[in-house]
Every structure is written in structure tokens, then in C-alpha cells.
PDB file of N, CA and C in Angstrom:
ATOM      1  N   UNK A   1      39.445 -18.933  19.071  1.00  0.00           N
ATOM      2  CA  UNK A   1      38.101 -19.794  19.012  1.00  0.00           C
ATOM      3  C   UNK A   1      38.660 -21.389  18.238  1.00  0.00           C
ATOM      4  N   UNK A   2      37.608 -22.698  18.663  1.00  0.00           N
ATOM      5  CA  UNK A   2      37.776 -23.663  18.362  1.00  0.00           C
ATOM      6  C   UNK A   2      37.407 -23.395  17.205  1.00  0.00           C
ATOM      7  N   UNK A   3      37.350 -24.564  16.321  1.00  0.00           N
ATOM      8  CA  UNK A   3      36.840 -25.101  15.289  1.00  0.00           C
ATOM      9  C   UNK A   3      34.844 -25.253  15.536  1.00  0.00           C
ATOM     10  N   UNK A   4      34.748 -25.965  16.554  1.00  0.00           N
ATOM     11  CA  UNK A   4      33.836 -26.387  17.625  1.00  0.00           C
ATOM     12  C   UNK A   4      33.392 -25.075  17.615  1.00  0.00           C
ATOM     13  N   UNK A   5      33.628 -24.097  18.353  1.00  0.00           N
ATOM     14  CA  UNK A   5      33.201 -22.971  18.134  1.00  0.00           C
ATOM     15  C   UNK A   5      32.774 -22.153  17.131  1.00  0.00           C
ATOM     16  N   UNK A   6      33.283 -22.501  16.415  1.00  0.00           N
ATOM     17  CA  UNK A   6      33.215 -21.329  15.185  1.00  0.00           C
ATOM     18  C   UNK A   6      31.740 -22.225  14.324  1.00  0.00           C
ATOM     19  N   UNK A   7      31.971 -23.410  14.393  1.00  0.00           N
ATOM     20  CA  UNK A   7      30.615 -24.068  13.981  1.00  0.00           C
ATOM     21  C   UNK A   7      29.448 -23.656  14.486  1.00  0.00           C
ATOM     22  N   UNK A   8      29.219 -23.163  15.433  1.00  0.00           N
ATOM     23  CA  UNK A   8      28.568 -23.193  16.689  1.00  0.00           C
ATOM     24  C   UNK A   8      27.820 -21.499  16.567  1.00  0.00           C
ATOM     25  N   UNK A   9      28.814 -20.569  16.606  1.00  0.00           N
ATOM     26  CA  UNK A   9      28.984 -19.407  16.142  1.00  0.00           C
ATOM     27  C   UNK A   9      27.982 -19.014  15.126  1.00  0.00           C
ATOM     28  N   UNK A  10      28.548 -20.008  13.563  1.00  0.00           N
ATOM     29  CA  UNK A  10      27.989 -19.753  12.300  1.00  0.00           C
ATOM     30  C   UNK A  10      26.452 -19.830  12.505  1.00  0.00           C
ATOM     31  N   UNK A  11      26.581 -21.295  13.012  1.00  0.00           N
ATOM     32  CA  UNK A  11      24.607 -21.921  13.027  1.00  0.00           C
ATOM     33  C   UNK A  11      24.112 -20.767  13.947  1.00  0.00           C
ATOM     34  N   UNK A  12      24.793 -20.010  14.722  1.00  0.00           N
ATOM     35  CA  UNK A  12      23.595 -19.386  15.194  1.00  0.00           C
ATOM     36  C   UNK A  12      22.791 -18.306  14.305  1.00  0.00           C
ATOM     37  N   UNK A  13      24.229 -17.736  13.821  1.00  0.00           N
ATOM     38  CA  UNK A  13      24.431 -16.316  13.254  1.00  0.00           C
ATOM     39  C   UNK A  13      23.017 -16.985  12.195  1.00  0.00           C
ATOM     40  N   UNK A  14      23.187 -17.714  11.440  1.00  0.00           N
ATOM     41  CA  UNK A  14      22.491 -18.509  10.156  1.00  0.00           C
ATOM     42  C   UNK A  14      21.067 -18.443  10.642  1.00  0.00           C
ATOM     43  N   UNK A  15      21.163 -19.463  11.628  1.00  0.00           N
ATOM     44  CA  UNK A  15      19.303 -19.296  12.729  1.00  0.00           C
ATOM     45  C   UNK A  15      19.208 -18.070  12.747  1.00  0.00           C
ATOM     46  N   UNK A  16      19.446 -16.820  12.981  1.00  0.00           N
ATOM     47  CA  UNK A  16      19.514 -15.570  13.466  1.00  0.00           C
ATOM     48  C   UNK A  16      18.746 -14.677  11.799  1.00  0.00           C
ATOM     49  N   UNK A  17      19.746 -15.221  10.981  1.00  0.00           N
ATOM     50  CA  UNK A  17      19.661 -14.552   9.604  1.00  0.00           C
ATOM     51  C   UNK A  17      18.418 -15.000   9.097  1.00  0.00           C
ATOM     52  N   UNK A  18      17.733 -16.400   9.139  1.00  0.00           N
ATOM     53  CA  UNK A  18      17.098 -17.093   8.300  1.00  0.00           C
ATOM     54  C   UNK A  18      15.260 -16.628   9.227  1.00  0.00           C
ATOM     55  N   UNK A  19      15.494 -16.360  10.740  1.00  0.00           N
ATOM     56  CA  UNK A  19      14.275 -15.853  10.889  1.00  0.00           C
ATOM     57  C   UNK A  19      14.166 -14.147  11.001  1.00  0.00           C
ATOM     58  N   UNK A  20      14.564 -13.314  10.766  1.00  0.00           N
ATOM     59  CA  UNK A  20      14.897 -12.499  10.469  1.00  0.00           C
ATOM     60  C   UNK A  20      14.315 -12.102   9.155  1.00  0.00           C
ATOM     61  N   UNK A  21      14.931 -12.779   8.235  1.00  0.00           N
ATOM     62  CA  UNK A  21      14.503 -12.976   7.090  1.00  0.00           C
ATOM     63  C   UNK A  21      12.831 -13.115   6.642  1.00  0.00           C
ATOM     64  N   UNK A  22      12.535 -14.217   7.485  1.00  0.00           N
ATOM     65  CA  UNK A  22      11.219 -14.783   7.268  1.00  0.00           C
ATOM     66  C   UNK A  22      10.062 -14.329   7.978  1.00  0.00           C
ATOM     67  N   UNK A  23      10.290 -12.964   8.986  1.00  0.00           N
ATOM     68  CA  UNK A  23      10.042 -12.061  10.017  1.00  0.00           C
ATOM     69  C   UNK A  23       9.352 -10.649   9.506  1.00  0.00           C
ATOM     70  N   UNK A  24       9.926 -10.476   7.943  1.00  0.00           N
ATOM     71  CA  UNK A  24       9.530  -9.337   7.193  1.00  0.00           C
ATOM     72  C   UNK A  24       8.626  -9.816   6.168  1.00  0.00           C
ATOM     73  N   UNK A  25       7.409  -8.684   6.633  1.00  0.00           N
ATOM     74  CA  UNK A  25       6.311  -8.876   6.042  1.00  0.00           C
ATOM     75  C   UNK A  25       6.619  -8.441   4.892  1.00  0.00           C
ATOM     76  N   UNK A  26       5.736  -9.340   4.032  1.00  0.00           N
ATOM     77  CA  UNK A  26       5.491  -8.936   2.529  1.00  0.00           C
ATOM     78  C   UNK A  26       4.226  -8.185   1.786  1.00  0.00           C
ATOM     79  N   UNK A  27       4.886  -7.543   1.241  1.00  0.00           N
ATOM     80  CA  UNK A  27       3.785  -6.482   0.199  1.00  0.00           C
ATOM     81  C   UNK A  27       2.129  -7.038   0.419  1.00  0.00           C
ATOM     82  N   UNK A  28       1.419  -6.660   0.850  1.00  0.00           N
ATOM     83  CA  UNK A  28      -0.221  -6.589   0.655  1.00  0.00           C
ATOM     84  C   UNK A  28      -0.678  -6.144  -0.386  1.00  0.00           C
ATOM     85  N   UNK A  29      -1.279  -6.270  -1.043  1.00  0.00           N
ATOM     86  CA  UNK A  29      -2.626  -5.915  -2.208  1.00  0.00           C
ATOM     87  C   UNK A  29      -3.646  -5.607  -1.571  1.00  0.00           C
ATOM     88  N   UNK A  30      -4.315  -4.068  -1.639  1.00  0.00           N
ATOM     89  CA  UNK A  30      -5.826  -3.605  -0.829  1.00  0.00           C
ATOM     90  C   UNK A  30      -6.510  -3.243  -2.440  1.00  0.00           C
ATOM     91  N   UNK A  31      -7.476  -3.355  -2.365  1.00  0.00           N
ATOM     92  CA  UNK A  31      -8.793  -3.433  -3.400  1.00  0.00           C
ATOM     93  C   UNK A  31      -9.486  -1.807  -2.622  1.00  0.00           C
ATOM     94  N   UNK A  32      -9.574  -0.571  -3.468  1.00  0.00           N
ATOM     95  CA  UNK A  32     -10.613  -0.088  -3.101  1.00  0.00           C
ATOM     96  C   UNK A  32     -11.822   0.607  -4.600  1.00  0.00           C
ATOM     97  N   UNK A  33     -12.851   0.933  -3.876  1.00  0.00           N
ATOM     98  CA  UNK A  33     -13.995   0.530  -5.597  1.00  0.00           C
ATOM     99  C   UNK A  33     -14.345   2.039  -5.074  1.00  0.00           C
ATOM    100  N   UNK A  34     -14.085   2.571  -6.481  1.00  0.00           N
ATOM    101  CA  UNK A  34     -15.142   3.686  -6.461  1.00  0.00           C
ATOM    102  C   UNK A  34     -16.509   3.520  -6.823  1.00  0.00           C
ATOM    103  N   UNK A  35     -18.108   3.330  -6.076  1.00  0.00           N
ATOM    104  CA  UNK A  35     -19.141   3.375  -6.986  1.00  0.00           C
ATOM    105  C   UNK A  35     -19.896   3.951  -6.166  1.00  0.00           C
ATOM    106  N   UNK A  36     -20.934   5.102  -7.015  1.00  0.00           N
ATOM    107  CA  UNK A  36     -22.026   5.785  -6.261  1.00  0.00           C
ATOM    108  C   UNK A  36     -21.371   7.100  -6.014  1.00  0.00           C
ATOM    109  N   UNK A  37     -20.596   7.615  -7.320  1.00  0.00           N
ATOM    110  CA  UNK A  37     -20.038   8.872  -6.556  1.00  0.00           C
ATOM    111  C   UNK A  37     -19.231   8.552  -5.337  1.00  0.00           C
ATOM    112  N   UNK A  38     -18.922   7.696  -4.284  1.00  0.00           N
ATOM    113  CA  UNK A  38     -18.453   7.691  -3.776  1.00  0.00           C
ATOM    114  C   UNK A  38     -16.782   6.524  -3.317  1.00  0.00           C
ATOM    115  N   UNK A  39     -15.772   6.812  -2.686  1.00  0.00           N
ATOM    116  CA  UNK A  39     -14.866   6.030  -2.434  1.00  0.00           C
ATOM    117  C   UNK A  39     -14.818   4.923  -1.390  1.00  0.00           C
ATOM    118  N   UNK A  40     -14.400   3.491  -1.579  1.00  0.00           N
ATOM    119  CA  UNK A  40     -14.992   2.482  -0.528  1.00  0.00           C
ATOM    120  C   UNK A  40     -14.268   2.632   0.572  1.00  0.00           C
ATOM    121  N   UNK A  41     -14.373   2.487   1.346  1.00  0.00           N
ATOM    122  CA  UNK A  41     -13.795   1.969   2.755  1.00  0.00           C
ATOM    123  C   UNK A  41     -11.835   1.902   2.489  1.00  0.00           C
ATOM    124  N   UNK A  42     -10.891   2.836   2.834  1.00  0.00           N
ATOM    125  CA  UNK A  42      -9.502   2.467   2.550  1.00  0.00           C
ATOM    126  C   UNK A  42      -8.984   1.484   3.284  1.00  0.00           C
ATOM    127  N   UNK A  43      -8.055   0.542   3.550  1.00  0.00           N
ATOM    128  CA  UNK A  43      -7.601  -0.647   4.481  1.00  0.00           C
ATOM    129  C   UNK A  43      -7.510   0.122   5.876  1.00  0.00           C
ATOM    130  N   UNK A  44      -7.851  -0.205   7.507  1.00  0.00           N
ATOM    131  CA  UNK A  44      -7.244   0.048   8.071  1.00  0.00           C
ATOM    132  C   UNK A  44      -5.860  -0.129   8.555  1.00  0.00           C
ATOM    133  N   UNK A  45      -4.836  -0.958   7.842  1.00  0.00           N
ATOM    134  CA  UNK A  45      -3.894  -1.025   8.182  1.00  0.00           C
ATOM    135  C   UNK A  45      -3.199  -0.963   6.411  1.00  0.00           C
ATOM    136  N   UNK A  46      -1.948  -0.709   6.568  1.00  0.00           N
ATOM    137  CA  UNK A  46      -1.366   0.036   5.284  1.00  0.00           C
ATOM    138  C   UNK A  46       0.157   0.244   5.392  1.00  0.00           C
ATOM    139  N   UNK A  47       1.060  -0.768   4.911  1.00  0.00           N
ATOM    140  CA  UNK A  47       2.598  -0.447   4.974  1.00  0.00           C
ATOM    141  C   UNK A  47       3.068  -0.206   3.771  1.00  0.00           C
ATOM    142  N   UNK A  48       3.915   0.525   4.185  1.00  0.00           N
ATOM    143  CA  UNK A  48       4.895   1.650   2.044  1.00  0.00           C
ATOM    144  C   UNK A  48       5.368  -0.024   2.473  1.00  0.00           C
ATOM    145  N   UNK A  49       5.373  -0.192   0.613  1.00  0.00           N
ATOM    146  CA  UNK A  49       5.038  -1.249  -0.052  1.00  0.00           C
ATOM    147  C   UNK A  49       4.356  -1.584  -0.206  1.00  0.00           C
ATOM    148  N   UNK A  50       3.069  -1.943   0.585  1.00  0.00           N
ATOM    149  CA  UNK A  50       1.600  -2.194  -0.351  1.00  0.00           C
ATOM    150  C   UNK A  50       1.225  -1.935  -1.526  1.00  0.00           C
ATOM    151  N   UNK A  51       0.301  -2.489  -2.261  1.00  0.00           N
ATOM    152  CA  UNK A  51      -0.247  -2.025  -3.103  1.00  0.00           C
ATOM    153  C   UNK A  51      -1.412  -1.670  -3.525  1.00  0.00           C
ATOM    154  N   UNK A  52      -2.046  -0.167  -3.495  1.00  0.00           N
ATOM    155  CA  UNK A  52      -3.703  -0.218  -3.985  1.00  0.00           C
ATOM    156  C   UNK A  52      -4.543  -0.538  -5.318  1.00  0.00           C
ATOM    157  N   UNK A  53      -4.716  -1.334  -5.461  1.00  0.00           N
ATOM    158  CA  UNK A  53      -5.778  -0.985  -6.641  1.00  0.00           C
ATOM    159  C   UNK A  53      -7.133  -0.565  -6.654  1.00  0.00           C
ATOM    160  N   UNK A  54      -7.090   0.169  -7.270  1.00  0.00           N
ATOM    161  CA  UNK A  54      -8.395   1.372  -7.377  1.00  0.00           C
ATOM    162  C   UNK A  54      -9.431   0.885  -8.078  1.00  0.00           C
ATOM    163  N   UNK A  55     -10.478   0.311  -8.383  1.00  0.00           N
ATOM    164  CA  UNK A  55     -11.751   0.334  -9.037  1.00  0.00           C
ATOM    165  C   UNK A  55     -12.776   1.264  -9.257  1.00  0.00           C
ATOM    166  N   UNK A  56     -12.906   1.659 -10.436  1.00  0.00           N
ATOM    167  CA  UNK A  56     -13.682   2.564 -10.490  1.00  0.00           C
ATOM    168  C   UNK A  56     -15.011   1.922 -11.542  1.00  0.00           C
ATOM    169  N   UNK A  57     -16.059   1.280 -10.508  1.00  0.00           N
ATOM    170  CA  UNK A  57     -17.201   0.485 -10.746  1.00  0.00           C
ATOM    171  C   UNK A  57     -18.300   1.830 -11.157  1.00  0.00           C
ATOM    172  N   UNK A  58     -17.975   2.491 -10.873  1.00  0.00           N
ATOM    173  CA  UNK A  58     -18.823   4.045 -11.145  1.00  0.00           C
ATOM    174  C   UNK A  58     -19.224   4.307 -13.296  1.00  0.00           C
ATOM    175  N   UNK A  59     -20.308   4.746 -13.119  1.00  0.00           N
ATOM    176  CA  UNK A  59     -20.500   5.242 -14.968  1.00  0.00           C
ATOM    177  C   UNK A  59     -19.605   6.494 -15.647  1.00  0.00           C
ATOM    178  N   UNK A  60     -18.832   7.146 -14.110  1.00  0.00           N
ATOM    179  CA  UNK A  60     -18.166   8.048 -14.732  1.00  0.00           C
ATOM    180  C   UNK A  60     -16.984   8.499 -14.552  1.00  0.00           C
ATOM    181  N   UNK A  61     -16.176   9.151 -14.845  1.00  0.00           N
ATOM    182  CA  UNK A  61     -14.576   8.910 -14.826  1.00  0.00           C
ATOM    183  C   UNK A  61     -13.989   9.496 -13.390  1.00  0.00           C
ATOM    184  N   UNK A  62     -13.514   8.957 -12.969  1.00  0.00           N
ATOM    185  CA  UNK A  62     -12.740   9.402 -11.487  1.00  0.00           C
ATOM    186  C   UNK A  62     -11.423   9.828 -11.424  1.00  0.00           C
ATOM    187  N   UNK A  63     -11.024  10.225 -10.366  1.00  0.00           N
ATOM    188  CA  UNK A  63      -9.374  10.322 -10.202  1.00  0.00           C
ATOM    189  C   UNK A  63      -9.001   9.529  -8.493  1.00  0.00           C
ATOM    190  N   UNK A  64      -8.572   9.719  -8.201  1.00  0.00           N
ATOM    191  CA  UNK A  64      -7.532   8.866  -6.654  1.00  0.00           C
ATOM    192  C   UNK A  64      -6.381  10.258  -6.971  1.00  0.00           C
ATOM    193  N   UNK A  65      -6.460  11.366  -6.352  1.00  0.00           N
ATOM    194  CA  UNK A  65      -5.345  12.224  -6.645  1.00  0.00           C
ATOM    195  C   UNK A  65      -5.173  13.189  -4.958  1.00  0.00           C
ATOM    196  N   UNK A  66      -3.629  12.966  -4.778  1.00  0.00           N
ATOM    197  CA  UNK A  66      -3.567  12.809  -3.250  1.00  0.00           C
ATOM    198  C   UNK A  66      -3.184  14.602  -3.069  1.00  0.00           C
ATOM    199  N   UNK A  67      -3.167  14.967  -2.037  1.00  0.00           N
ATOM    200  CA  UNK A  67      -3.697  16.480  -2.071  1.00  0.00           C
ATOM    201  C   UNK A  67      -2.450  17.032  -1.854  1.00  0.00           C
ATOM    202  N   UNK A  68      -1.018  16.127  -1.160  1.00  0.00           N
ATOM    203  CA  UNK A  68       0.151  16.719  -1.604  1.00  0.00           C
ATOM    204  C   UNK A  68       0.504  16.273  -2.972  1.00  0.00           C
ATOM    205  N   UNK A  69       0.024  15.690  -4.197  1.00  0.00           N
ATOM    206  CA  UNK A  69       0.808  15.428  -5.285  1.00  0.00           C
ATOM    207  C   UNK A  69       1.342  14.084  -5.384  1.00  0.00           C
ATOM    208  N   UNK A  70       1.404  13.472  -4.357  1.00  0.00           N
ATOM    209  CA  UNK A  70       2.565  12.137  -4.431  1.00  0.00           C
ATOM    210  C   UNK A  70       1.794  10.967  -4.844  1.00  0.00           C
ATOM    211  N   UNK A  71       0.762  11.395  -5.808  1.00  0.00           N
ATOM    212  CA  UNK A  71       0.018  10.005  -6.157  1.00  0.00           C
ATOM    213  C   UNK A  71      -0.931  10.894  -7.032  1.00  0.00           C
ATOM    214  N   UNK A  72      -1.593  10.169  -8.054  1.00  0.00           N
ATOM    215  CA  UNK A  72      -2.725  10.880  -8.972  1.00  0.00           C
ATOM    216  C   UNK A  72      -3.210   9.467 -10.250  1.00  0.00           C
ATOM    217  N   UNK A  73      -3.893   8.698  -9.520  1.00  0.00           N
ATOM    218  CA  UNK A  73      -4.793   7.997 -10.584  1.00  0.00           C
ATOM    219  C   UNK A  73      -5.944   8.364 -11.435  1.00  0.00           C
ATOM    220  N   UNK A  74      -5.625   8.164 -12.509  1.00  0.00           N
ATOM    221  CA  UNK A  74      -6.991   8.334 -13.699  1.00  0.00           C
ATOM    222  C   UNK A  74      -8.057   7.532 -13.945  1.00  0.00           C
ATOM    223  N   UNK A  75      -8.670   7.191 -13.382  1.00  0.00           N
ATOM    224  CA  UNK A  75      -9.996   6.163 -14.397  1.00  0.00           C
ATOM    225  C   UNK A  75     -11.060   6.227 -14.558  1.00  0.00           C
ATOM    226  N   UNK A  76     -11.289   6.135 -15.829  1.00  0.00           N
ATOM    227  CA  UNK A  76     -12.135   6.094 -16.719  1.00  0.00           C
ATOM    228  C   UNK A  76     -13.217   4.671 -16.096  1.00  0.00           C
ATOM    229  N   UNK A  77     -14.597   5.389 -16.486  1.00  0.00           N
ATOM    230  CA  UNK A  77     -15.449   4.521 -16.230  1.00  0.00           C
ATOM    231  C   UNK A  77     -15.286   3.257 -16.514  1.00  0.00           C
ATOM    232  N   UNK A  78     -15.407   1.873 -15.296  1.00  0.00           N
ATOM    233  CA  UNK A  78     -15.239   0.538 -15.288  1.00  0.00           C
ATOM    234  C   UNK A  78     -13.877   0.205 -15.670  1.00  0.00           C
ATOM    235  N   UNK A  79     -12.716   1.046 -15.359  1.00  0.00           N
ATOM    236  CA  UNK A  79     -11.522   0.531 -15.046  1.00  0.00           C
ATOM    237  C   UNK A  79     -11.035   0.235 -13.625  1.00  0.00           C
ATOM    238  N   UNK A  80      -9.330   0.203 -13.550  1.00  0.00           N
ATOM    239  CA  UNK A  80      -8.549  -0.242 -12.662  1.00  0.00           C
ATOM    240  C   UNK A  80      -7.587   1.191 -12.838  1.00  0.00           C
ATOM    241  N   UNK A  81      -6.443   1.600 -11.957  1.00  0.00           N
ATOM    242  CA  UNK A  81      -5.320   1.383 -11.588  1.00  0.00           C
ATOM    243  C   UNK A  81      -4.549   1.079 -10.202  1.00  0.00           C
ATOM    244  N   UNK A  82      -3.079   0.742 -10.847  1.00  0.00           N
ATOM    245  CA  UNK A  82      -2.404   0.023  -9.556  1.00  0.00           C
ATOM    246  C   UNK A  82      -1.373   1.420  -8.834  1.00  0.00           C
ATOM    247  N   UNK A  83      -1.430   1.336  -7.432  1.00  0.00           N
ATOM    248  CA  UNK A  83      -0.286   2.031  -6.829  1.00  0.00           C
ATOM    249  C   UNK A  83       0.563   1.828  -5.735  1.00  0.00           C
ATOM    250  N   UNK A  84       1.352   1.917  -5.296  1.00  0.00           N
ATOM    251  CA  UNK A  84       2.361   1.378  -4.410  1.00  0.00           C
ATOM    252  C   UNK A  84       2.451   2.428  -3.395  1.00  0.00           C
ATOM    253  N   UNK A  85       2.265   2.033  -2.055  1.00  0.00           N
ATOM    254  CA  UNK A  85       2.484   3.578  -0.950  1.00  0.00           C
ATOM    255  C   UNK A  85       3.874   3.305  -0.674  1.00  0.00           C
ATOM    256  N   UNK A  86       4.581   4.594  -1.131  1.00  0.00           N
ATOM    257  CA  UNK A  86       5.780   5.079  -1.056  1.00  0.00           C
ATOM    258  C   UNK A  86       6.350   5.422   0.218  1.00  0.00           C
ATOM    259  N   UNK A  87       5.333   5.985   0.821  1.00  0.00           N
ATOM    260  CA  UNK A  87       5.978   7.096   2.160  1.00  0.00           C
ATOM    261  C   UNK A  87       4.994   6.588   3.561  1.00  0.00           C
ATOM    262  N   UNK A  88       5.228   6.401   4.745  1.00  0.00           N
ATOM    263  CA  UNK A  88       4.773   6.801   5.423  1.00  0.00           C
ATOM    264  C   UNK A  88       4.061   7.557   6.265  1.00  0.00           C
ATOM    265  N   UNK A  89       2.531   7.801   6.830  1.00  0.00           N
ATOM    266  CA  UNK A  89       1.781   8.913   7.176  1.00  0.00           C
ATOM    267  C   UNK A  89       0.842   8.933   6.402  1.00  0.00           C
ATOM    268  N   UNK A  90      -0.007   9.983   7.093  1.00  0.00           N
ATOM    269  CA  UNK A  90      -1.229   9.794   6.344  1.00  0.00           C
ATOM    270  C   UNK A  90      -1.402  10.972   4.969  1.00  0.00           C
ATOM    271  N   UNK A  91      -1.847  10.467   4.068  1.00  0.00           N
ATOM    272  CA  UNK A  91      -2.513  11.282   2.910  1.00  0.00           C
ATOM    273  C   UNK A  91      -3.888  11.428   2.752  1.00  0.00           C
ATOM    274  N   UNK A  92      -4.305  12.509   2.182  1.00  0.00           N
ATOM    275  CA  UNK A  92      -5.344  12.589   2.050  1.00  0.00           C
ATOM    276  C   UNK A  92      -5.436  12.668   0.871  1.00  0.00           C
ATOM    277  N   UNK A  93      -6.815  11.977   0.033  1.00  0.00           N
ATOM    278  CA  UNK A  93      -7.086  11.960  -1.193  1.00  0.00           C
ATOM    279  C   UNK A  93      -8.437  12.273  -1.712  1.00  0.00           C
ATOM    280  N   UNK A  94      -8.617  13.017  -2.882  1.00  0.00           N
ATOM    281  CA  UNK A  94      -9.843  12.781  -3.569  1.00  0.00           C
ATOM    282  C   UNK A  94      -9.866  12.727  -5.515  1.00  0.00           C
ATOM    283  N   UNK A  95     -11.070  13.363  -5.549  1.00  0.00           N
ATOM    284  CA  UNK A  95     -11.252  12.614  -7.090  1.00  0.00           C
ATOM    285  C   UNK A  95     -11.452  14.571  -7.906  1.00  0.00           C
ATOM    286  N   UNK A  96     -10.238  14.800  -9.066  1.00  0.00           N
ATOM    287  CA  UNK A  96     -10.045  15.807  -9.046  1.00  0.00           C
ATOM    288  C   UNK A  96     -11.434  16.465  -9.881  1.00  0.00           C
ATOM    289  N   UNK A  97     -12.320  15.528 -10.366  1.00  0.00           N
ATOM    290  CA  UNK A  97     -13.553  15.575 -11.431  1.00  0.00           C
ATOM    291  C   UNK A  97     -14.595  16.022 -10.156  1.00  0.00           C
ATOM    292  N   UNK A  98     -15.095  15.101  -9.421  1.00  0.00           N
ATOM    293  CA  UNK A  98     -15.853  15.354  -8.114  1.00  0.00           C
ATOM    294  C   UNK A  98     -15.221  15.807  -6.151  1.00  0.00           C
ATOM    295  N   UNK A  99     -14.796  17.452  -6.317  1.00  0.00           N
ATOM    296  CA  UNK A  99     -13.939  17.293  -5.412  1.00  0.00           C
ATOM    297  C   UNK A  99     -14.626  16.970  -4.036  1.00  0.00           C
ATOM    298  N   UNK A 100     -15.725  16.332  -3.998  1.00  0.00           N
ATOM    299  CA  UNK A 100     -16.667  16.566  -2.903  1.00  0.00           C
ATOM    300  C   UNK A 100     -15.876  14.626  -2.263  1.00  0.00           C
ATOM    301  N   UNK A 101     -15.531  13.998  -3.183  1.00  0.00           N
ATOM    302  CA  UNK A 101     -15.411  12.225  -3.153  1.00  0.00           C
ATOM    303  C   UNK A 101     -13.881  12.554  -2.237  1.00  0.00           C
ATOM    304  N   UNK A 102     -13.982  12.185  -1.064  1.00  0.00           N
ATOM    305  CA  UNK A 102     -12.665  12.124  -0.576  1.00  0.00           C
ATOM    306  C   UNK A 102     -12.382  11.055   0.370  1.00  0.00           C
ATOM    307  N   UNK A 103     -10.924  11.063   0.471  1.00  0.00           N
ATOM    308  CA  UNK A 103     -10.596   9.902   1.332  1.00  0.00           C
ATOM    309  C   UNK A 103      -9.273   9.889   1.858  1.00  0.00           C
ATOM    310  N   UNK A 104      -8.938   9.202   3.084  1.00  0.00           N
ATOM    311  CA  UNK A 104      -7.607   9.183   3.622  1.00  0.00           C
ATOM    312  C   UNK A 104      -6.824   7.578   3.665  1.00  0.00           C
ATOM    313  N   UNK A 105      -5.496   7.659   3.066  1.00  0.00           N
ATOM    314  CA  UNK A 105      -4.653   6.982   3.927  1.00  0.00           C
ATOM    315  C   UNK A 105      -3.924   6.753   4.881  1.00  0.00           C
ATOM    316  N   UNK A 106      -3.750   5.834   5.544  1.00  0.00           N
ATOM    317  CA  UNK A 106      -2.183   6.178   6.658  1.00  0.00           C
ATOM    318  C   UNK A 106      -1.142   5.132   6.789  1.00  0.00           C
ATOM    319  N   UNK A 107      -0.445   5.339   5.654  1.00  0.00           N
ATOM    320  CA  UNK A 107       0.574   4.389   6.166  1.00  0.00           C
ATOM    321  C   UNK A 107       1.639   3.985   6.811  1.00  0.00           C
ATOM    322  N   UNK A 108       1.771   2.824   7.541  1.00  0.00           N
ATOM    323  CA  UNK A 108       3.061   2.685   8.729  1.00  0.00           C
ATOM    324  C   UNK A 108       4.119   2.212   7.812  1.00  0.00           C
ATOM    325  N   UNK A 109       5.188   2.625   8.419  1.00  0.00           N
ATOM    326  CA  UNK A 109       6.721   2.140   8.216  1.00  0.00           C
ATOM    327  C   UNK A 109       6.934   0.452   7.256  1.00  0.00           C
TER     328      UNK A 109
END
């Protein structure tokens, strides 16, 4: 391979790598509020690595607890807690203190 062809090949590879790096999605941050004894709607689109900030705007203590045990966020009144989505798929959650409060997250890879 000539020096010119090598330079061209390296330039192509460098360009492809730059495009791949720039198209990788950065983690997003989403808010889920708890008010009036209800969880707010979870985001329609979630990906592994995204962050959820749970806001307890209620006067009661709540939790955001996964039925499969993958997370358990304690949320005293007027507080917030963060978590990072660690795996793809659906995860049902509820409040340990108020089991009729439920929701579901569904993360994509």
C-alpha cells in the first residue's frame, strides 16, 4: 500500500470513528413526581444509562420500589432521589407504604 493510500485509509477510519462517537446517545435525565398519592407518568422512552430523579411533592413518605428488587428509593416528604437505569426491559414499581401506588418503567438498550 502506498503512503498516499495509507493516509487516505487512516483518514477514512478516523472519520468513521468520529461519526460513531458523535452518534452515541448521551444519558438523559427524567423527572417523575409523586403528588396526591400518585406517581407521575414515567417517560415513554428510556435507555440503559438514563437517570430518573424521583420528586416526592407529597406530605407523606413514599418509596419507588421495583417489584424485582432492582431498586428501592426512599423518599421522605418533600424530598428527591436519583437512580440510573441499569438494564433493559420492563420493571414494575410501587410504593412500599402505599402498595396501590404503582407504575412501570420500560428501558431500551
